[in-house]
Every structure is written in C-alpha cells, then in structure tokens.
Protein backbone atom coordinates (compact mmCIF):
# COMPACT_ATOMS: atom_id res chain seq x y z
CA THR A 1 85.40 43.51 88.61
CA THR A 2 81.60 43.53 88.71
CA GLN A 3 79.03 42.42 91.16
CA ASN A 4 78.87 38.89 89.12
CA ASN A 5 82.44 38.04 89.22
CA SER A 6 83.53 39.37 92.78
CA VAL A 7 85.26 36.76 94.77
CA PHE A 8 84.27 38.52 97.88
CA THR A 9 81.26 37.95 100.11
CA TYR A 10 79.07 40.86 101.81
CA ASN A 11 76.99 40.89 105.07
CA SER A 12 73.64 41.34 103.44
CA SER A 13 71.96 41.73 106.97
CA ASN A 14 73.86 44.74 107.53
CA GLY A 15 72.87 46.25 104.02
CA GLU A 16 76.44 45.72 102.66
CA SER A 17 76.78 44.80 98.90
CA TRP A 18 79.14 45.08 96.15
CA TYR A 19 78.14 48.65 95.54
CA THR A 20 79.23 49.29 99.19
CA TYR A 21 82.79 49.21 98.51
CA ASN A 22 82.99 50.26 94.92
CA ASN A 23 82.81 53.81 93.44
CA GLN A 24 82.59 53.46 89.63
CA SER A 25 83.00 57.21 89.66
CA PHE A 26 86.40 57.35 91.62
CA VAL A 27 89.29 58.58 89.22
CA PRO A 28 92.63 58.49 91.17
CA LYS A 29 95.05 61.31 90.85
CA PHE A 30 98.51 61.13 89.83
CA TYR A 31 101.49 62.52 91.91
CA ASP A 32 102.02 65.43 89.40
CA GLU A 33 98.42 66.30 89.27
CA LEU A 34 98.19 66.33 93.38
CA LYS A 35 101.06 68.90 93.51
CA ARG A 36 99.63 71.08 90.84
CA THR A 37 96.12 71.05 92.40
CA SER A 38 96.87 71.03 95.87
CA ASP A 39 97.30 74.13 98.30
CA PRO A 40 100.91 75.40 98.17
CA ALA A 41 100.92 75.89 102.00
CA LYS A 42 99.84 72.12 102.23
CA ILE A 43 102.59 70.96 99.91
CA GLN A 44 104.95 72.79 101.81
CA LYS A 45 103.97 71.48 105.15
CA ALA A 46 103.73 67.84 103.67
CA ASN A 47 107.48 68.31 102.41
CA GLU A 48 108.54 69.26 105.95
CA THR A 49 106.78 66.37 107.39
CA CYS A 50 108.17 64.02 105.08
CA SER A 51 111.57 65.18 104.81
CA GLY A 52 111.11 65.52 100.95
CA ASN A 53 110.20 61.59 100.57
CA ASP A 54 107.67 61.52 97.52
CA ASP A 55 105.83 58.53 98.99
CA CYS A 56 105.02 60.32 101.99
CA ILE A 57 104.09 63.56 100.33
CA PHE A 58 101.83 61.56 97.82
CA ASP A 59 99.80 59.83 100.65
CA ILE A 60 99.33 63.32 102.48
CA LEU A 61 97.95 64.95 99.46
CA SER A 62 95.89 62.03 98.35
CA THR A 63 94.18 61.43 102.08
CA ASP A 64 94.78 64.87 103.42
CA ASP A 65 96.15 62.95 106.52
CA PHE A 66 99.44 63.77 107.84
CA ALA A 67 99.53 61.01 110.34
CA PHE A 68 99.24 58.48 107.64
CA GLY A 69 101.95 60.10 105.40
CA ALA A 70 104.41 60.06 108.58
CA ALA A 71 103.61 56.27 108.88
CA THR A 72 104.46 55.74 105.17
CA LEU A 73 107.71 57.78 105.77
CA GLN A 74 108.62 55.30 108.92
CA SER A 75 107.92 52.48 106.67
CA VAL A 76 110.00 53.48 104.03
CA THR A 77 112.81 54.44 106.31
CA SER A 78 112.51 51.06 108.01
CA PHE A 79 112.58 49.29 104.58
CA ILE A 80 115.91 51.21 103.45
CA GLN A 81 117.57 50.31 106.87
CA GLN A 82 116.81 46.40 106.50
CA ASN A 83 117.69 46.33 102.87
CA ASN A 84 121.02 48.05 103.56
CA THR A 85 121.76 45.65 106.43
CA VAL A 86 120.64 42.44 104.41
CA SER A 87 122.82 43.48 101.44
CA ASN A 88 125.78 44.30 103.66
CA PHE A 89 128.73 41.72 103.58
CA PRO A 90 131.01 41.44 106.43
CA PRO A 91 134.60 42.38 105.91
CA ASN A 92 137.38 39.78 105.39
CA ILE A 93 140.10 39.39 107.88
CA THR A 94 143.71 38.55 106.61
CA GLY A 95 146.46 37.90 109.22
CA PRO A 96 148.06 35.10 111.17
CA SER A 97 145.76 32.87 113.21
CA LYS A 98 148.52 31.21 114.98
CA ILE A 99 150.89 33.32 117.29
CA GLU A 100 154.05 32.17 119.05
CA ALA A 101 155.31 33.95 121.96
CA VAL A 102 157.90 33.73 124.89
CA VAL A 103 157.18 34.78 128.29
CA ASN A 104 158.21 38.34 128.94
CA LYS A 105 159.07 38.98 125.29
CA LEU A 106 156.99 41.16 123.01
CA VAL A 107 155.50 39.96 119.92
CA SER A 108 153.42 41.61 117.41
CA ALA A 109 151.17 40.87 114.12
CA VAL A 110 149.37 43.04 111.71
CA TYR A 111 145.90 42.31 110.63
CA THR A 112 144.01 43.86 107.55
CA ALA A 113 140.59 43.79 106.37
CA ASP A 114 138.75 43.91 102.97
CA ASP A 115 135.36 45.35 102.98
CA PRO A 116 133.15 44.18 99.97
CA GLU A 117 131.22 47.74 100.26
CA ASN A 118 134.45 49.54 101.17
CA ASP A 119 132.91 50.46 104.35
CA THR A 120 135.27 52.06 107.10
CA VAL A 121 136.51 49.09 109.37
CA VAL A 122 137.64 49.09 112.86
CA PHE A 123 139.42 46.23 114.87
CA SER A 124 138.76 45.05 118.30
CA LEU A 125 139.83 42.01 120.27
CA ASN A 126 137.88 39.70 122.58
CA SER A 127 140.29 38.46 125.14
CA THR A 128 140.60 36.85 128.64
CA SER A 129 143.71 38.94 129.48
CA ASP A 130 145.16 42.47 129.28
CA ASP A 131 148.54 40.95 127.90
CA ILE A 132 147.21 40.79 124.61
CA GLN A 133 145.68 44.08 122.77
CA ILE A 134 144.81 45.13 119.32
CA ALA A 135 144.62 48.83 118.01
CA GLY A 136 141.73 49.82 115.78
CA ASN A 137 144.00 49.80 112.74
CA GLY A 138 144.67 46.26 113.15
CA THR A 139 147.97 45.97 115.08
CA LEU A 140 148.14 43.36 117.87
CA VAL A 141 150.62 43.12 120.40
CA TRP A 142 150.97 40.26 123.12
CA TYR A 143 153.32 40.74 126.07
CA PRO A 144 152.86 37.62 128.18
CA ASN A 145 154.23 38.17 131.84
CA SER A 146 153.35 34.66 132.86
CA SER A 147 152.29 31.29 131.58
CA ASP A 148 148.57 31.82 132.68
CA SER A 149 146.06 30.78 129.83
CA ILE A 150 144.91 33.31 127.50
CA LEU A 151 142.14 33.11 124.81
CA ALA A 152 141.68 35.81 122.22
CA THR A 153 139.61 36.34 118.99
CA VAL A 154 140.12 39.15 116.62
CA ILE A 155 136.95 41.07 115.43
CA VAL A 156 136.51 43.55 112.65
CA LYS A 157 133.33 45.44 112.26
CA ASP A 158 132.23 47.72 109.58
CA SER A 159 130.33 50.99 109.77
CA LYS A 160 127.08 48.96 109.14
CA GLY A 161 127.53 46.72 111.96
CA ALA A 162 128.47 43.64 110.00
CA HIS A 163 131.42 41.77 111.54
CA SER A 164 133.80 39.02 111.00
CA GLU A 165 135.99 37.00 113.60
CA LEU A 166 139.20 35.14 113.59
CA ALA A 167 139.80 32.94 116.63
CA LEU A 168 143.55 32.75 117.57
CA GLN A 169 145.91 29.80 118.47
CA LEU A 170 148.21 31.23 120.97
CA VAL A 171 151.30 29.19 121.64
CA LEU A 172 153.39 30.26 124.77
CA CYS A 173 156.89 29.22 125.60
CA ASN A 174 158.18 29.65 129.28
CA CYS A 175 161.32 27.56 129.01
CA SER A 176 164.16 28.64 131.36
CA ASN A 177 167.87 28.07 131.83
CA ASN A 178 168.75 28.59 128.27
CA ALA A 179 166.40 25.66 127.03
CA THR A 180 165.04 25.77 123.69
CA CYS A 181 161.46 26.44 122.66
CA VAL A 182 159.76 23.68 120.77
CA PHE A 183 156.62 25.22 119.30
CA SER A 184 155.79 22.21 117.02
CA THR A 185 155.41 20.12 120.03
CA SER A 186 152.69 21.79 122.48
CA SER A 187 150.15 20.66 125.04
CA LEU A 188 146.70 22.05 125.14
CA ALA A 189 146.08 24.22 128.14
CA SER A 190 142.71 25.72 127.34
CA SER A 191 140.12 26.20 124.47
CA ASP A 192 136.89 27.78 123.86
CA ASN A 193 135.44 25.59 121.10
CA THR A 194 131.62 26.45 122.23
CA ASN A 195 132.19 29.94 120.86
CA SER A 196 135.21 30.91 118.76
CA ASN A 197 137.55 27.71 118.72
CA ALA A 198 140.29 29.90 120.27
CA THR A 199 142.87 27.95 121.87
CA PHE A 200 146.10 28.43 124.19
CA THR A 201 148.87 25.95 124.33
CA ILE A 202 152.18 25.54 125.95
CA ALA A 203 155.15 24.84 123.96
CA ALA A 204 157.52 21.93 124.94
CA CYS A 205 161.13 22.62 125.89
CA ASN A 206 164.33 21.12 125.05
CA CYS A 207 166.28 21.35 128.15
CA SER A 208 170.09 21.78 128.71
CA GLU A 209 171.89 18.81 130.26
CA ALA A 210 171.85 20.24 133.61
CA TYR A 211 168.03 20.82 133.89
CA THR A 212 164.78 18.96 133.49
CA GLY A 213 161.04 19.48 134.22
CA GLN A 214 158.34 21.07 132.05
CA TYR A 215 159.93 24.33 131.99
CA CYS A 216 163.70 23.10 132.59
CA THR A 217 163.49 24.63 135.92
CA ASP A 218 164.62 21.57 138.06
CA ASP A 219 168.20 20.35 138.30
CA TYR A 220 168.86 17.28 136.74
CA ASP A 221 169.82 14.27 138.86
CA ALA A 222 172.39 12.32 136.84
CA CYS A 223 172.16 9.40 139.52
CA LEU A 224 168.66 8.55 138.19
CA GLU A 225 170.16 7.09 134.95
CA ASN A 226 173.42 6.32 136.21
CA GLN A 227 173.35 4.95 139.79
CA CYS A 228 176.14 6.60 141.86
CA TYR A 229 178.20 4.93 144.28
CA LEU A 230 177.78 5.35 148.02
CA ASN A 231 179.85 8.21 149.32
C-alpha cells in the first residue's frame, strides 16, 4: 500500500502517519535463512523450548522472544487437539437392544463396536442396578434376583473420547408355579425417556390351571366361575 491508497486512518495529533507503521526497507527472512544466520546456541535453545515445532522456532528466531515462541507452540498444540476432536467420529455399537430374562436365571449378550478411525474402544454400562453388568470387551450379563425395576444403557468410548450409547429394553419374567412367560405381552414398569430411552417391562404370565395373579402366585378359586353348592 501507499499513503494515498491506505484504508487506515492515523492520529495526526500524536504525530502518527502512514510512515509510522510502514518500513519500506524491511525485508523478511525465510526460515532457512534464519537457521543459517542465527547463533547455534539460540537455535538449540529454541528447539528445546519448541520441542522441534518449526512454527515456534521460526517465531523465536525472527523476534528473539522465547515467550512469543512458546505461545505459538501452545496455539499449534491446541489447534491439533481440537482438529483431532472434530474429525473423530464415535464408534458404532452392534448388539441386541432388547434383552429378555427370567428372575434368578443368568442371561448374557455380546456387543461389538466398529470405530471409523480404528481407535481402541472400551464398553461400560450406565445402570440403576448391579444385577446387570458389562465387561470392557462388550460381554453383558444380567442376573435378576427380583422383579425390581432396572434401567440400563450400553456405552462404548474410543481412545479420543468420542462415544455412542445404546438404550436397552429390558423385559423380565417373574412367573411362578410352572407358568409360561409371555414376553410378547408386557406391561411398562419404568422408563428413562428424558435421557436414554431405556425401558423396563414385566412379561405377562400364562398361569397353570391351579394358579392366578400377575405372577401366578395365587391359588385359583374355581368357585368364582362355577358357583359351588353349600357344604
């Protein structure tokens, strides 16, 4: 630019002008020239300060300011970390979202994960009970010892912190006295729609002829349908 085509304004009351901020004799030095003409001891110290980062070393050699170079290194490191985070995609979970179980019987399921960047992945479980657990390799076990409500979500996280979740639909049967579990018919016991859409339902029971009730624990009174004669 020149004084005539500059888009900036200057405080003339303080003696400022276009010439105050323009040095026509300045010739910038390229990185190779700076390394060739700088003191070897300074280059070595700059390399130690910058951990070998060229941007940092260039700023130190061109400004003779080690603090400025360190700030450059911090900015470069922060940019790399943010770029890795933005470009990192979460792993994909494969495995059953619905698990059916019977009280006091062990059930298991296996989950796998495919990470787009081939990062190492680890499984974990967000649950409301210790009855259901998952190992880091994705093997889940559920041993319900009661019909108490349980909510659970499978989580897989890669080494860069990206994660995916799979909300489980848990269906529990607590039928007694040789009754048959009807998993296709169930009643909702609890849900977590606000966070993970995890649900817990109780399976229906097909009771034998001698029993009735939700879990087939009550003796069936035949006189209810066929009135008995007195005595």
